[in-house]
C-alpha atoms as a PDB file:
ATOM      1  CA  MET A   1      18.514 -11.540  11.993  1.00  0.00           C
ATOM      2  CA  ASP A   2      19.569 -12.086   8.358  1.00  0.00           C
ATOM      3  CA  ARG A   3      17.184 -11.447   5.477  1.00  0.00           C
ATOM      4  CA  ARG A   4      16.277 -15.105   4.876  1.00  0.00           C
ATOM      5  CA  ASN A   5      15.434 -15.746   8.539  1.00  0.00           C
ATOM      6  CA  PHE A   6      13.490 -12.504   8.657  1.00  0.00           C
ATOM      7  CA  ILE A   7      11.406 -13.611   5.659  1.00  0.00           C
ATOM      8  CA  LEU A   8      10.651 -16.965   7.289  1.00  0.00           C
ATOM      9  CA  ALA A   9       9.662 -15.389  10.596  1.00  0.00           C
ATOM     10  CA  SER A  10       7.726 -12.521   9.067  1.00  0.00           C
ATOM     11  CA  SER A  11       5.675 -14.639   6.686  1.00  0.00           C
ATOM     12  CA  GLY A  12       4.515 -16.845   9.544  1.00  0.00           C
ATOM     13  CA  TYR A  13       3.619 -13.824  11.623  1.00  0.00           C
ATOM     14  CA  ALA A  14       1.703 -12.312   8.697  1.00  0.00           C
ATOM     15  CA  LEU A  15      -0.434 -15.442   8.326  1.00  0.00           C
ATOM     16  CA  SER A  16      -1.060 -15.551  12.062  1.00  0.00           C
ATOM     17  CA  ALA A  17      -2.942 -12.260  11.688  1.00  0.00           C
ATOM     18  CA  LEU A  18      -5.878 -14.251  10.319  1.00  0.00           C
ATOM     19  CA  GLY A  19      -6.494 -15.677  13.806  1.00  0.00           C
ATOM     20  CA  LEU A  20      -6.012 -12.515  15.866  1.00  0.00           C
ATOM     21  CA  PRO A  21      -9.437 -10.822  16.244  1.00  0.00           C
ATOM     22  CA  ASP A  22     -11.467 -10.957  19.440  1.00  0.00           C
ATOM     23  CA  MET A  23     -14.914 -10.217  18.029  1.00  0.00           C
ATOM     24  CA  GLU A  24     -16.490  -9.569  21.438  1.00  0.00           C
ATOM     25  CA  SER A  25     -13.873  -7.158  22.750  1.00  0.00           C
ATOM     26  CA  ILE A  26     -15.823  -3.952  22.097  1.00  0.00           C
ATOM     27  CA  SER A  27     -19.010  -5.264  23.704  1.00  0.00           C
ATOM     28  CA  ARG A  28     -16.992  -6.466  26.679  1.00  0.00           C
ATOM     29  CA  ARG A  29     -15.209  -3.135  27.082  1.00  0.00           C
ATOM     30  CA  THR A  30     -18.491  -1.223  27.350  1.00  0.00           C
ATOM     31  CA  THR A  31     -19.479  -3.233  30.427  1.00  0.00           C
ATOM     32  CA  THR A  32     -16.140  -3.713  32.192  1.00  0.00           C
ATOM     33  CA  VAL A  33     -14.428  -0.321  31.771  1.00  0.00           C
ATOM     34  CA  SER A  34     -13.192   1.356  34.963  1.00  0.00           C
ATOM     35  CA  SER A  35     -15.084   4.345  36.358  1.00  0.00           C
ATOM     36  CA  GLY A  36     -12.055   6.596  35.947  1.00  0.00           C
ATOM     37  CA  ALA A  37     -11.631   5.963  32.222  1.00  0.00           C
ATOM     38  CA  VAL A  38     -11.821   8.931  29.861  1.00  0.00           C
ATOM     39  CA  ARG A  39     -15.154   9.428  28.097  1.00  0.00           C
ATOM     40  CA  VAL A  40     -14.968   9.076  24.314  1.00  0.00           C
ATOM     41  CA  GLY A  41     -17.558  10.308  21.819  1.00  0.00           C
ATOM     42  CA  ARG A  42     -17.993  11.089  18.151  1.00  0.00           C
ATOM     43  CA  GLY A  43     -15.660  14.086  18.447  1.00  0.00           C
ATOM     44  CA  GLU A  44     -12.685  11.876  19.229  1.00  0.00           C
ATOM     45  CA  VAL A  45     -13.582   9.583  16.333  1.00  0.00           C
ATOM     46  CA  ALA A  46     -13.749  12.570  13.983  1.00  0.00           C
ATOM     47  CA  ALA A  47     -10.365  13.740  15.268  1.00  0.00           C
ATOM     48  CA  VAL A  48      -8.733  10.396  14.436  1.00  0.00           C
ATOM     49  CA  ARG A  49     -10.222  10.419  10.944  1.00  0.00           C
ATOM     50  CA  HIS A  50      -9.026  13.967  10.359  1.00  0.00           C
ATOM     51  CA  MET A  51      -5.481  13.094  11.430  1.00  0.00           C
ATOM     52  CA  VAL A  52      -5.448  10.009   9.208  1.00  0.00           C
ATOM     53  CA  LYS A  53      -6.346  12.181   6.223  1.00  0.00           C
ATOM     54  CA  ALA A  54      -3.836  14.924   7.048  1.00  0.00           C
ATOM     55  CA  LEU A  55      -0.938  12.543   7.716  1.00  0.00           C
ATOM     56  CA  GLY A  56      -1.919  10.270   4.840  1.00  0.00           C
ATOM     57  CA  ASP A  57      -2.009  13.157   2.362  1.00  0.00           C
ATOM     58  CA  SER A  58       1.495  14.201   3.417  1.00  0.00           C
ATOM     59  CA  ALA A  59       2.890  10.671   3.181  1.00  0.00           C
ATOM     60  CA  SER A  60       1.249  10.026  -0.196  1.00  0.00           C
ATOM     61  CA  GLU A  61       2.790  13.180  -1.606  1.00  0.00           C
ATOM     62  CA  LEU A  62       6.272  13.013  -0.057  1.00  0.00           C
ATOM     63  CA  GLY A  63       6.745   9.353   0.929  1.00  0.00           C
ATOM     64  CA  GLY A  64       6.425   7.292   4.073  1.00  0.00           C
ATOM     65  CA  GLY A  65       9.725   8.591   5.445  1.00  0.00           C
ATOM     66  CA  HIS A  66       8.028  11.907   6.199  1.00  0.00           C
ATOM     67  CA  ALA A  67       6.154  12.327   9.502  1.00  0.00           C
ATOM     68  CA  ARG A  68       5.897   8.673  10.552  1.00  0.00           C
ATOM     69  CA  HIS A  69       6.966   9.650  14.041  1.00  0.00           C
ATOM     70  CA  LEU A  70       4.013  12.060  14.196  1.00  0.00           C
ATOM     71  CA  ALA A  71       1.560   9.294  13.338  1.00  0.00           C
ATOM     72  CA  VAL A  72       3.078   6.963  15.946  1.00  0.00           C
ATOM     73  CA  ARG A  73       3.138   9.662  18.618  1.00  0.00           C
ATOM     74  CA  TYR A  74      -0.501  10.549  17.976  1.00  0.00           C
ATOM     75  CA  LEU A  75      -1.437   6.878  18.099  1.00  0.00           C
ATOM     76  CA  THR A  76       0.374   6.099  21.348  1.00  0.00           C
ATOM     77  CA  GLN A  77      -0.192   9.334  23.265  1.00  0.00           C
ATOM     78  CA  ASP A  78      -3.665  10.445  22.168  1.00  0.00           C
ATOM     79  CA  VAL A  79      -5.575   7.540  20.645  1.00  0.00           C
ATOM     80  CA  ALA A  80      -4.400   4.649  22.839  1.00  0.00           C
ATOM     81  CA  PRO A  81      -6.072   6.079  25.998  1.00  0.00           C
ATOM     82  CA  TRP A  82      -9.315   6.500  24.040  1.00  0.00           C
ATOM     83  CA  LEU A  83      -9.321   2.795  23.174  1.00  0.00           C
ATOM     84  CA  GLU A  84      -9.350   2.106  26.910  1.00  0.00           C
ATOM     85  CA  GLY A  85     -11.990   4.769  27.552  1.00  0.00           C
ATOM     86  CA  ARG A  86     -15.743   4.852  28.144  1.00  0.00           C
ATOM     87  CA  PHE A  87     -17.890   4.691  25.003  1.00  0.00           C
ATOM     88  CA  THR A  88     -21.068   3.195  23.647  1.00  0.00           C
ATOM     89  CA  GLU A  89     -20.790   0.107  21.488  1.00  0.00           C
ATOM     90  CA  ALA A  90     -21.636   2.094  18.353  1.00  0.00           C
ATOM     91  CA  THR A  91     -18.990   4.717  19.125  1.00  0.00           C
ATOM     92  CA  GLY A  92     -16.517   1.978  20.041  1.00  0.00           C
ATOM     93  CA  ARG A  93     -16.901   0.350  16.650  1.00  0.00           C
ATOM     94  CA  GLU A  94     -16.344   3.676  14.889  1.00  0.00           C
ATOM     95  CA  LEU A  95     -13.326   4.394  17.091  1.00  0.00           C
ATOM     96  CA  PHE A  96     -11.775   0.978  16.422  1.00  0.00           C
ATOM     97  CA  ALA A  97     -12.358   1.386  12.670  1.00  0.00           C
ATOM     98  CA  ALA A  98     -10.782   4.859  12.610  1.00  0.00           C
ATOM     99  CA  THR A  99      -7.839   3.614  14.686  1.00  0.00           C
ATOM    100  CA  SER A 100      -7.421   0.703  12.278  1.00  0.00           C
ATOM    101  CA  GLN A 101      -6.869   3.248   9.521  1.00  0.00           C
ATOM    102  CA  LEU A 102      -4.321   5.156  11.597  1.00  0.00           C
ATOM    103  CA  VAL A 103      -2.432   1.970  12.501  1.00  0.00           C
ATOM    104  CA  HIS A 104      -2.476   0.857   8.858  1.00  0.00           C
ATOM    105  CA  LEU A 105      -1.074   4.238   7.845  1.00  0.00           C
ATOM    106  CA  ALA A 106       1.764   3.860  10.354  1.00  0.00           C
ATOM    107  CA  GLY A 107       2.491   0.433   8.837  1.00  0.00           C
ATOM    108  CA  TRP A 108       2.500   1.797   5.299  1.00  0.00           C
ATOM    109  CA  MET A 109       4.801   4.632   6.365  1.00  0.00           C
ATOM    110  CA  ALA A 110       7.251   2.179   7.927  1.00  0.00           C
ATOM    111  CA  GLN A 111       7.184  -0.069   4.866  1.00  0.00           C
ATOM    112  CA  ASP A 112       7.726   2.869   2.520  1.00  0.00           C
ATOM    113  CA  GLU A 113      10.458   4.402   4.679  1.00  0.00           C
ATOM    114  CA  GLY A 114      13.081   1.702   4.230  1.00  0.00           C
ATOM    115  CA  ASP A 115      13.985  -1.884   3.476  1.00  0.00           C
ATOM    116  CA  THR A 116      15.519  -2.885   6.805  1.00  0.00           C
ATOM    117  CA  PRO A 117      14.359  -5.840   8.931  1.00  0.00           C
ATOM    118  CA  GLU A 118      13.387  -3.414  11.681  1.00  0.00           C
ATOM    119  CA  LEU A 119      11.102  -1.322   9.460  1.00  0.00           C
ATOM    120  CA  ARG A 120       9.663  -4.432   7.791  1.00  0.00           C
ATOM    121  CA  GLY A 121       8.886  -5.864  11.197  1.00  0.00           C
ATOM    122  CA  LEU A 122       7.274  -2.622  12.345  1.00  0.00           C
ATOM    123  CA  ALA A 123       5.119  -2.495   9.218  1.00  0.00           C
ATOM    124  CA  GLN A 124       3.997  -6.079   9.629  1.00  0.00           C
ATOM    125  CA  GLY A 125       3.099  -5.567  13.277  1.00  0.00           C
ATOM    126  CA  TYR A 126       1.054  -2.489  12.418  1.00  0.00           C
ATOM    127  CA  TYR A 127      -0.770  -4.245   9.558  1.00  0.00           C
ATOM    128  CA  SER A 128      -1.650  -7.195  11.791  1.00  0.00           C
ATOM    129  CA  HIS A 129      -2.899  -4.897  14.536  1.00  0.00           C
ATOM    130  CA  SER A 130      -4.871  -2.891  11.973  1.00  0.00           C
ATOM    131  CA  PHE A 131      -6.555  -6.103  10.846  1.00  0.00           C
ATOM    132  CA  ARG A 132      -7.455  -7.007  14.414  1.00  0.00           C
ATOM    133  CA  LEU A 133      -8.954  -3.575  15.110  1.00  0.00           C
ATOM    134  CA  ALA A 134     -10.922  -3.597  11.856  1.00  0.00           C
ATOM    135  CA  ALA A 135     -12.251  -7.116  12.410  1.00  0.00           C
ATOM    136  CA  GLU A 136     -13.280  -6.274  15.965  1.00  0.00           C
ATOM    137  CA  ALA A 137     -15.084  -3.201  14.611  1.00  0.00           C
ATOM    138  CA  GLY A 138     -16.918  -5.435  12.130  1.00  0.00           C
ATOM    139  CA  ASP A 139     -15.534  -3.511   9.121  1.00  0.00           C
ATOM    140  CA  ALA A 140     -14.929  -5.952   6.262  1.00  0.00           C
ATOM    141  CA  GLU A 141     -13.401  -3.343   3.962  1.00  0.00           C
ATOM    142  CA  LEU A 142     -10.791  -2.209   6.463  1.00  0.00           C
ATOM    143  CA  SER A 143     -10.076  -5.845   7.353  1.00  0.00           C
ATOM    144  CA  ALA A 144      -9.425  -6.646   3.703  1.00  0.00           C
ATOM    145  CA  THR A 145      -7.263  -3.539   3.303  1.00  0.00           C
ATOM    146  CA  ALA A 146      -5.054  -4.577   6.231  1.00  0.00           C
ATOM    147  CA  LEU A 147      -4.681  -8.063   4.742  1.00  0.00           C
ATOM    148  CA  ARG A 148      -3.718  -6.437   1.460  1.00  0.00           C
ATOM    149  CA  GLY A 149      -0.869  -4.644   3.233  1.00  0.00           C
ATOM    150  CA  LEU A 150       0.421  -7.971   4.539  1.00  0.00           C
ATOM    151  CA  ALA A 151       0.043  -9.603   1.109  1.00  0.00           C
ATOM    152  CA  VAL A 152       1.966  -6.830  -0.643  1.00  0.00           C
ATOM    153  CA  GLN A 153       4.742  -7.079   1.923  1.00  0.00           C
ATOM    154  CA  CYS A 154       5.012 -10.835   1.310  1.00  0.00           C
ATOM    155  CA  VAL A 155       5.223 -10.114  -2.439  1.00  0.00           C
ATOM    156  CA  ASP A 156       8.039  -7.627  -1.806  1.00  0.00           C
ATOM    157  CA  LEU A 157       9.879 -10.148   0.367  1.00  0.00           C
ATOM    158  CA  GLY A 158       9.515 -12.899  -2.231  1.00  0.00           C
ATOM    159  CA  TYR A 159       7.391 -15.167  -0.023  1.00  0.00           C
ATOM    160  CA  ARG A 160       5.067 -16.137  -2.817  1.00  0.00           C
ATOM    161  CA  ALA A 161       2.814 -18.844  -1.343  1.00  0.00           C
ATOM    162  CA  GLU A 162       1.986 -16.705   1.686  1.00  0.00           C
ATOM    163  CA  ALA A 163       1.308 -13.718  -0.570  1.00  0.00           C
ATOM    164  CA  VAL A 164      -1.234 -15.740  -2.550  1.00  0.00           C
ATOM    165  CA  GLN A 165      -2.878 -17.057   0.614  1.00  0.00           C
ATOM    166  CA  LEU A 166      -3.193 -13.568   2.089  1.00  0.00           C
ATOM    167  CA  GLY A 167      -4.432 -12.249  -1.266  1.00  0.00           C
ATOM    168  CA  GLU A 168      -7.142 -14.893  -1.310  1.00  0.00           C
ATOM    169  CA  ALA A 169      -8.185 -13.967   2.237  1.00  0.00           C
ATOM    170  CA  CYS A 170      -8.225 -10.308   1.222  1.00  0.00           C
ATOM    171  CA  VAL A 171     -10.561 -11.077  -1.707  1.00  0.00           C
ATOM    172  CA  GLU A 172     -12.801 -13.207   0.508  1.00  0.00           C
ATOM    173  CA  TYR A 173     -13.233 -10.419   3.062  1.00  0.00           C
ATOM    174  CA  GLY A 174     -14.133  -7.962   0.312  1.00  0.00           C
ATOM    175  CA  ARG A 175     -16.293 -10.276  -1.766  1.00  0.00           C
ATOM    176  CA  HIS A 176     -19.673  -8.894  -0.651  1.00  0.00           C
ATOM    177  CA  LEU A 177     -18.779  -5.208  -0.447  1.00  0.00           C
ATOM    178  CA  ASP A 178     -20.922  -2.770  -2.398  1.00  0.00           C
ATOM    179  CA  ASN A 179     -17.858  -0.795  -3.462  1.00  0.00           C
ATOM    180  CA  PRO A 180     -16.457  -1.571  -6.917  1.00  0.00           C
ATOM    181  CA  ARG A 181     -13.154   0.179  -6.277  1.00  0.00           C
ATOM    182  CA  ALA A 182     -12.582  -1.876  -3.149  1.00  0.00           C
ATOM    183  CA  VAL A 183     -13.296  -5.080  -5.081  1.00  0.00           C
ATOM    184  CA  ALA A 184     -10.881  -3.960  -7.824  1.00  0.00           C
ATOM    185  CA  TYR A 185      -8.241  -3.201  -5.163  1.00  0.00           C
ATOM    186  CA  TYR A 186      -8.372  -6.662  -3.622  1.00  0.00           C
ATOM    187  CA  GLU A 187      -8.700  -8.595  -6.890  1.00  0.00           C
ATOM    188  CA  ALA A 188      -5.641  -6.776  -8.266  1.00  0.00           C
ATOM    189  CA  THR A 189      -3.767  -7.668  -5.077  1.00  0.00           C
ATOM    190  CA  LEU A 190      -4.398 -11.365  -5.661  1.00  0.00           C
ATOM    191  CA  ALA A 191      -3.547 -11.009  -9.367  1.00  0.00           C
ATOM    192  CA  ASN A 192      -0.226  -9.403  -8.395  1.00  0.00           C
ATOM    193  CA  ALA A 193       0.590 -12.188  -5.913  1.00  0.00           C
ATOM    194  CA  ALA A 194      -0.318 -14.840  -8.482  1.00  0.00           C
ATOM    195  CA  ALA A 195       1.836 -13.189 -11.165  1.00  0.00           C
ATOM    196  CA  GLN A 196       4.745 -13.155  -8.715  1.00  0.00           C
ATOM    197  CA  ASP A 197       4.065 -16.864  -8.126  1.00  0.00           C
ATOM    198  CA  ASP A 198       4.222 -17.529 -11.900  1.00  0.00           C
ATOM    199  CA  ASP A 199       0.550 -18.588 -11.928  1.00  0.00           C
ATOM    200  CA  ARG A 200      -0.524 -16.963 -15.176  1.00  0.00           C
ATOM    201  CA  HIS A 201      -4.031 -18.461 -15.118  1.00  0.00           C
ATOM    202  CA  MET A 202      -4.872 -17.131 -11.659  1.00  0.00           C
ATOM    203  CA  ALA A 203      -3.246 -13.760 -12.346  1.00  0.00           C
ATOM    204  CA  THR A 204      -5.147 -13.267 -15.599  1.00  0.00           C
ATOM    205  CA  LYS A 205      -8.452 -14.337 -14.043  1.00  0.00           C
ATOM    206  CA  HIS A 206      -8.275 -11.942 -11.100  1.00  0.00           C
ATOM    207  CA  LEU A 207      -6.855  -9.114 -13.194  1.00  0.00           C
ATOM    208  CA  ALA A 208      -9.912  -9.400 -15.454  1.00  0.00           C
ATOM    209  CA  THR A 209     -12.216  -9.344 -12.421  1.00  0.00           C
ATOM    210  CA  SER A 210     -10.487  -6.232 -11.107  1.00  0.00           C
ATOM    211  CA  GLU A 211     -10.838  -4.555 -14.510  1.00  0.00           C
ATOM    212  CA  THR A 212     -14.583  -5.224 -14.538  1.00  0.00           C
ATOM    213  CA  ALA A 213     -14.914  -3.789 -11.035  1.00  0.00           C
ATOM    214  CA  ILE A 214     -12.869  -0.638 -11.672  1.00  0.00           C
ATOM    215  CA  GLY A 215     -15.062   0.095 -14.689  1.00  0.00           C
ATOM    216  CA  ARG A 216     -18.185   0.351 -12.557  1.00  0.00           C
ATOM    217  CA  PRO A 217     -19.277   3.649 -10.932  1.00  0.00           C
ATOM    218  CA  ALA A 218     -17.535   4.349  -7.630  1.00  0.00           C
ATOM    219  CA  ALA A 219     -19.540   3.987  -4.428  1.00  0.00           C
ATOM    220  CA  GLU A 220     -20.567   7.064  -2.489  1.00  0.00           C
ATOM    221  CA  GLY A 221     -18.348   8.042   0.440  1.00  0.00           C
ATOM    222  CA  GLY A 222     -16.049   5.544   2.128  1.00  0.00           C
ATOM    223  CA  ASP A 223     -13.113   6.234   4.414  1.00  0.00           C
ATOM    224  CA  SER A 224     -10.631   3.416   3.783  1.00  0.00           C
ATOM    225  CA  TRP A 225      -7.821   3.513   1.286  1.00  0.00           C
ATOM    226  CA  ALA A 226      -9.641   0.939  -0.812  1.00  0.00           C
ATOM    227  CA  ALA A 227     -12.472   3.386  -1.420  1.00  0.00           C
ATOM    228  CA  HIS A 228      -9.946   5.757  -3.023  1.00  0.00           C
ATOM    229  CA  TYR A 229      -8.359   3.198  -5.382  1.00  0.00           C
ATOM    230  CA  SER A 230      -8.591   5.308  -8.521  1.00  0.00           C
ATOM    231  CA  PRO A 231      -8.602   4.096 -12.136  1.00  0.00           C
ATOM    232  CA  GLY A 232      -5.124   5.642 -12.436  1.00  0.00           C
ATOM    233  CA  ARG A 233      -3.775   3.588  -9.553  1.00  0.00           C
ATOM    234  CA  TRP A 234      -5.478   0.496 -10.956  1.00  0.00           C
ATOM    235  CA  ALA A 235      -3.891   1.142 -14.377  1.00  0.00           C
ATOM    236  CA  HIS A 236      -0.443   1.386 -12.762  1.00  0.00           C
ATOM    237  CA  GLU A 237      -0.807  -1.817 -10.762  1.00  0.00           C
ATOM    238  CA  SER A 238      -2.268  -3.648 -13.754  1.00  0.00           C
ATOM    239  CA  GLY A 239       0.551  -2.425 -15.961  1.00  0.00           C
ATOM    240  CA  MET A 240       3.153  -3.908 -13.641  1.00  0.00           C
ATOM    241  CA  ILE A 241       1.244  -7.195 -13.387  1.00  0.00           C
ATOM    242  CA  LEU A 242       1.184  -7.377 -17.196  1.00  0.00           C
ATOM    243  CA  SER A 243       4.898  -6.581 -17.257  1.00  0.00           C
ATOM    244  CA  ARG A 244       5.584  -9.531 -14.937  1.00  0.00           C
ATOM    245  CA  LEU A 245       3.509 -11.712 -17.261  1.00  0.00           C
ATOM    246  CA  GLY A 246       5.679 -10.614 -20.204  1.00  0.00           C
ATOM    247  CA  ASP A 247       3.067  -8.512 -22.058  1.00  0.00           C
ATOM    248  CA  LEU A 248       5.172  -5.371 -22.396  1.00  0.00           C
ATOM    249  CA  ASP A 249       2.957  -3.649 -24.977  1.00  0.00           C
ATOM    250  CA  ALA A 250      -0.101  -3.938 -22.727  1.00  0.00           C
ATOM    251  CA  ALA A 251       2.003  -2.889 -19.740  1.00  0.00           C
ATOM    252  CA  GLU A 252       3.133   0.279 -21.522  1.00  0.00           C
ATOM    253  CA  GLU A 253      -0.444   1.042 -22.536  1.00  0.00           C
ATOM    254  CA  HIS A 254      -1.687   0.734 -18.950  1.00  0.00           C
ATOM    255  CA  LEU A 255       1.126   2.881 -17.564  1.00  0.00           C
ATOM    256  CA  HIS A 256       0.327   5.492 -20.214  1.00  0.00           C
ATOM    257  CA  LEU A 257      -3.317   5.360 -19.079  1.00  0.00           C
ATOM    258  CA  ALA A 258      -2.220   5.892 -15.481  1.00  0.00           C
ATOM    259  CA  LEU A 259      -0.104   8.949 -16.329  1.00  0.00           C
ATOM    260  CA  ASP A 260      -1.884  10.735 -19.130  1.00  0.00           C
ATOM    261  CA  ILE A 261      -5.508   9.596 -19.215  1.00  0.00           C
ATOM    262  CA  HIS A 262      -6.654   8.997 -15.646  1.00  0.00           C
ATOM    263  CA  GLY A 263      -4.054  11.211 -14.004  1.00  0.00           C
ATOM    264  CA  LEU A 264      -2.314  10.730 -10.672  1.00  0.00           C
ATOM    265  CA  ASP A 265      -2.818  13.163  -7.814  1.00  0.00           C
ATOM    266  CA  ARG A 266       0.335  12.447  -5.769  1.00  0.00           C
ATOM    267  CA  ARG A 267       3.932  13.272  -6.683  1.00  0.00           C
ATOM    268  CA  ARG A 268       5.294  10.096  -5.088  1.00  0.00           C
ATOM    269  CA  THR A 269       2.892   7.942  -7.105  1.00  0.00           C
ATOM    270  CA  ARG A 270       3.653   9.742 -10.364  1.00  0.00           C
ATOM    271  CA  ALA A 271       7.393   9.352  -9.800  1.00  0.00           C
ATOM    272  CA  ILE A 272       7.052   5.592  -9.287  1.00  0.00           C
ATOM    273  CA  VAL A 273       4.894   5.171 -12.405  1.00  0.00           C
ATOM    274  CA  LEU A 274       7.398   7.156 -14.488  1.00  0.00           C
ATOM    275  CA  ALA A 275      10.232   4.975 -13.188  1.00  0.00           C
ATOM    276  CA  ASP A 276       8.291   1.815 -14.047  1.00  0.00           C
ATOM    277  CA  LEU A 277       7.401   3.099 -17.513  1.00  0.00           C
ATOM    278  CA  GLY A 278      11.038   3.881 -18.218  1.00  0.00           C
ATOM    279  CA  GLY A 279      11.957   0.319 -17.301  1.00  0.00           C
ATOM    280  CA  VAL A 280       9.265  -1.144 -19.551  1.00  0.00           C
ATOM    281  CA  ARG A 281      10.363   1.015 -22.482  1.00  0.00           C
ATOM    282  CA  LEU A 282      13.974  -0.045 -22.026  1.00  0.00           C
ATOM    283  CA  ARG A 283      12.920  -3.719 -22.080  1.00  0.00           C
ATOM    284  CA  GLN A 284      11.107  -3.004 -25.355  1.00  0.00           C
ATOM    285  CA  GLY A 285      14.320  -1.633 -26.861  1.00  0.00           C
ATOM    286  CA  ASP A 286      13.120   1.988 -26.841  1.00  0.00           C
ATOM    287  CA  VAL A 287      16.242   3.512 -25.276  1.00  0.00           C
ATOM    288  CA  ASP A 288      15.386   7.114 -26.197  1.00  0.00           C
ATOM    289  CA  GLY A 289      11.861   6.731 -24.810  1.00  0.00           C
ATOM    290  CA  ALA A 290      13.219   5.214 -21.612  1.00  0.00           C
ATOM    291  CA  MET A 291      15.675   8.040 -21.032  1.00  0.00           C
ATOM    292  CA  ALA A 292      13.044  10.712 -21.740  1.00  0.00           C
ATOM    293  CA  THR A 293      10.704   9.058 -19.220  1.00  0.00           C
ATOM    294  CA  TRP A 294      13.454   8.700 -16.624  1.00  0.00           C
ATOM    295  CA  ARG A 295      14.242  12.404 -17.023  1.00  0.00           C
ATOM    296  CA  ASP A 296      10.659  13.168 -15.981  1.00  0.00           C
ATOM    297  CA  PHE A 297      11.010  10.644 -13.136  1.00  0.00           C
ATOM    298  CA  LEU A 298      14.029  12.481 -11.739  1.00  0.00           C
ATOM    299  CA  ASP A 299      12.121  15.765 -11.847  1.00  0.00           C
ATOM    300  CA  CYS A 300       9.407  14.165  -9.686  1.00  0.00           C
ATOM    301  CA  ALA A 301      11.670  12.208  -7.360  1.00  0.00           C
ATOM    302  CA  ASP A 302      13.649  15.025  -5.740  1.00  0.00           C
ATOM    303  CA  GLY A 303      12.737  15.386  -2.053  1.00  0.00           C
ATOM    304  CA  ILE A 304      10.606  12.233  -1.816  1.00  0.00           C
ATOM    305  CA  ARG A 305      11.525   9.849   1.020  1.00  0.00           C
ATOM    306  CA  SER A 306      10.277   6.494  -0.211  1.00  0.00           C
ATOM    307  CA  VAL A 307      11.967   3.113  -0.433  1.00  0.00           C
ATOM    308  CA  LYS A 308      10.281   2.522  -3.791  1.00  0.00           C
ATOM    309  CA  VAL A 309      11.648   5.748  -5.230  1.00  0.00           C
ATOM    310  CA  ARG A 310      15.149   4.968  -3.909  1.00  0.00           C
ATOM    311  CA  ALA A 311      14.950   1.463  -5.390  1.00  0.00           C
ATOM    312  CA  ALA A 312      13.851   2.918  -8.729  1.00  0.00           C
ATOM    313  CA  LEU A 313      16.777   5.339  -8.686  1.00  0.00           C
ATOM    314  CA  ARG A 314      19.236   2.513  -8.046  1.00  0.00           C
ATOM    315  CA  ASP A 315      17.646   0.359 -10.749  1.00  0.00           C
ATOM    316  CA  MET A 316      17.812   3.148 -13.325  1.00  0.00           C
ATOM    317  CA  HIS A 317      21.413   3.964 -12.388  1.00  0.00           C
ATOM    318  CA  VAL A 318      22.512   0.347 -12.897  1.00  0.00           C
ATOM    319  CA  ARG A 319      20.624  -0.176 -16.154  1.00  0.00           C
ATOM    320  CA  LEU A 320      22.144   2.933 -17.702  1.00  0.00           C
ATOM    321  CA  ARG A 321      25.693   1.609 -17.196  1.00  0.00           C
ATOM    322  CA  ARG A 322      25.498  -0.296 -20.467  1.00  0.00           C
ATOM    323  CA  TYR A 323      25.080   3.056 -22.262  1.00  0.00           C
ATOM    324  CA  SER A 324      28.159   4.673 -20.750  1.00  0.00           C
ATOM    325  CA  GLY A 325      29.096   6.134 -24.130  1.00  0.00           C
ATOM    326  CA  VAL A 326      25.801   8.003 -24.454  1.00  0.00           C
ATOM    327  CA  PRO A 327      26.043  11.528 -22.989  1.00  0.00           C
ATOM    328  CA  GLU A 328      22.361  11.648 -22.003  1.00  0.00           C
ATOM    329  CA  ALA A 329      22.655   8.356 -20.117  1.00  0.00           C
ATOM    330  CA  GLN A 330      25.672   9.650 -18.199  1.00  0.00           C
ATOM    331  CA  GLU A 331      23.803  12.845 -17.362  1.00  0.00           C
ATOM    332  CA  LEU A 332      20.866  10.839 -15.988  1.00  0.00           C
ATOM    333  CA  ARG A 333      23.190   8.691 -13.869  1.00  0.00           C
ATOM    334  CA  GLU A 334      24.820  11.793 -12.402  1.00  0.00           C
ATOM    335  CA  ARG A 335      21.417  13.329 -11.634  1.00  0.00           C
ATOM    336  CA  ALA A 336      20.266  10.091  -9.981  1.00  0.00           C
ATOM    337  CA  ALA A 337      23.393  10.078  -7.795  1.00  0.00           C
ATOM    338  CA  ARG A 338      22.652  13.661  -6.672  1.00  0.00           C
ATOM    339  CA  VAL A 339      19.032  12.804  -5.802  1.00  0.00           C
ATOM    340  CA  THR A 340      20.129   9.854  -3.622  1.00  0.00           C
ATOM    341  CA  ASP A 341      22.814  11.844  -1.768  1.00  0.00           C
END
């Protein structure tokens, strides 16, 4: 399947996720399960949550290309039989919610691992299944987070109308959550999709809403990724939205906030922000600032297996060609080539 046909097929499949959930499935399972099914309790739920955190921490630090097979193996060999097991309705909802997180993580890992149709398709299938599990569990925050994954993928693929539609659905699911960071997460998602769609009014409106939300105190607890959307991550995403809107000074300010004020706790994330900041500085005409930032980016990038980091390396390598007579630029290009080998 070529890239264009993949985009057409994948965008339709992404939107079909909105009609997937069977809201009565958990209740039905508690009354129709076979007598030989394995018994599942809170211990199994806790185990899934622990594995999501352990695998997620590794992937966030080193990229989605690390340990995806472990997440998939755990999902198919350990967790899948539990979903068909014997449990109370309350435990079933917790199990489905925890599994939604694990499935979402597998999708994110696949998306971050590479830019092939196969990996894109895997990611999309996992995100859609994560949405179904979350909706069946009655968890609005996890449902919105899964829709966000689909929206971001549509943005990356350039399918702008679908990205906006999924972003709007994501915001709608999260509208009544008592979690400011989650609200900021989803509003920024829609702002990003709108900016990609050249809708400045919508992008500015939802970016402002996300800024108001991220400025409020964080909610207690929370297990989904949305609950851990930090001010630093918000500043990075907002900076890139502002860059797309052409406000490079504000973009640089937000990326500076992400790196030096709020801080970023993952090496992969810091590498991507440094790469983005270097690009913004180059667009502003600050060649020395761009090269200094890209030097820090290369220090962070070594050993990370992430499609975003690889794309940033290629982008930097190409942009530095115009400065072939500058020794520092040539040195950076050579270092970038070694990192990608």
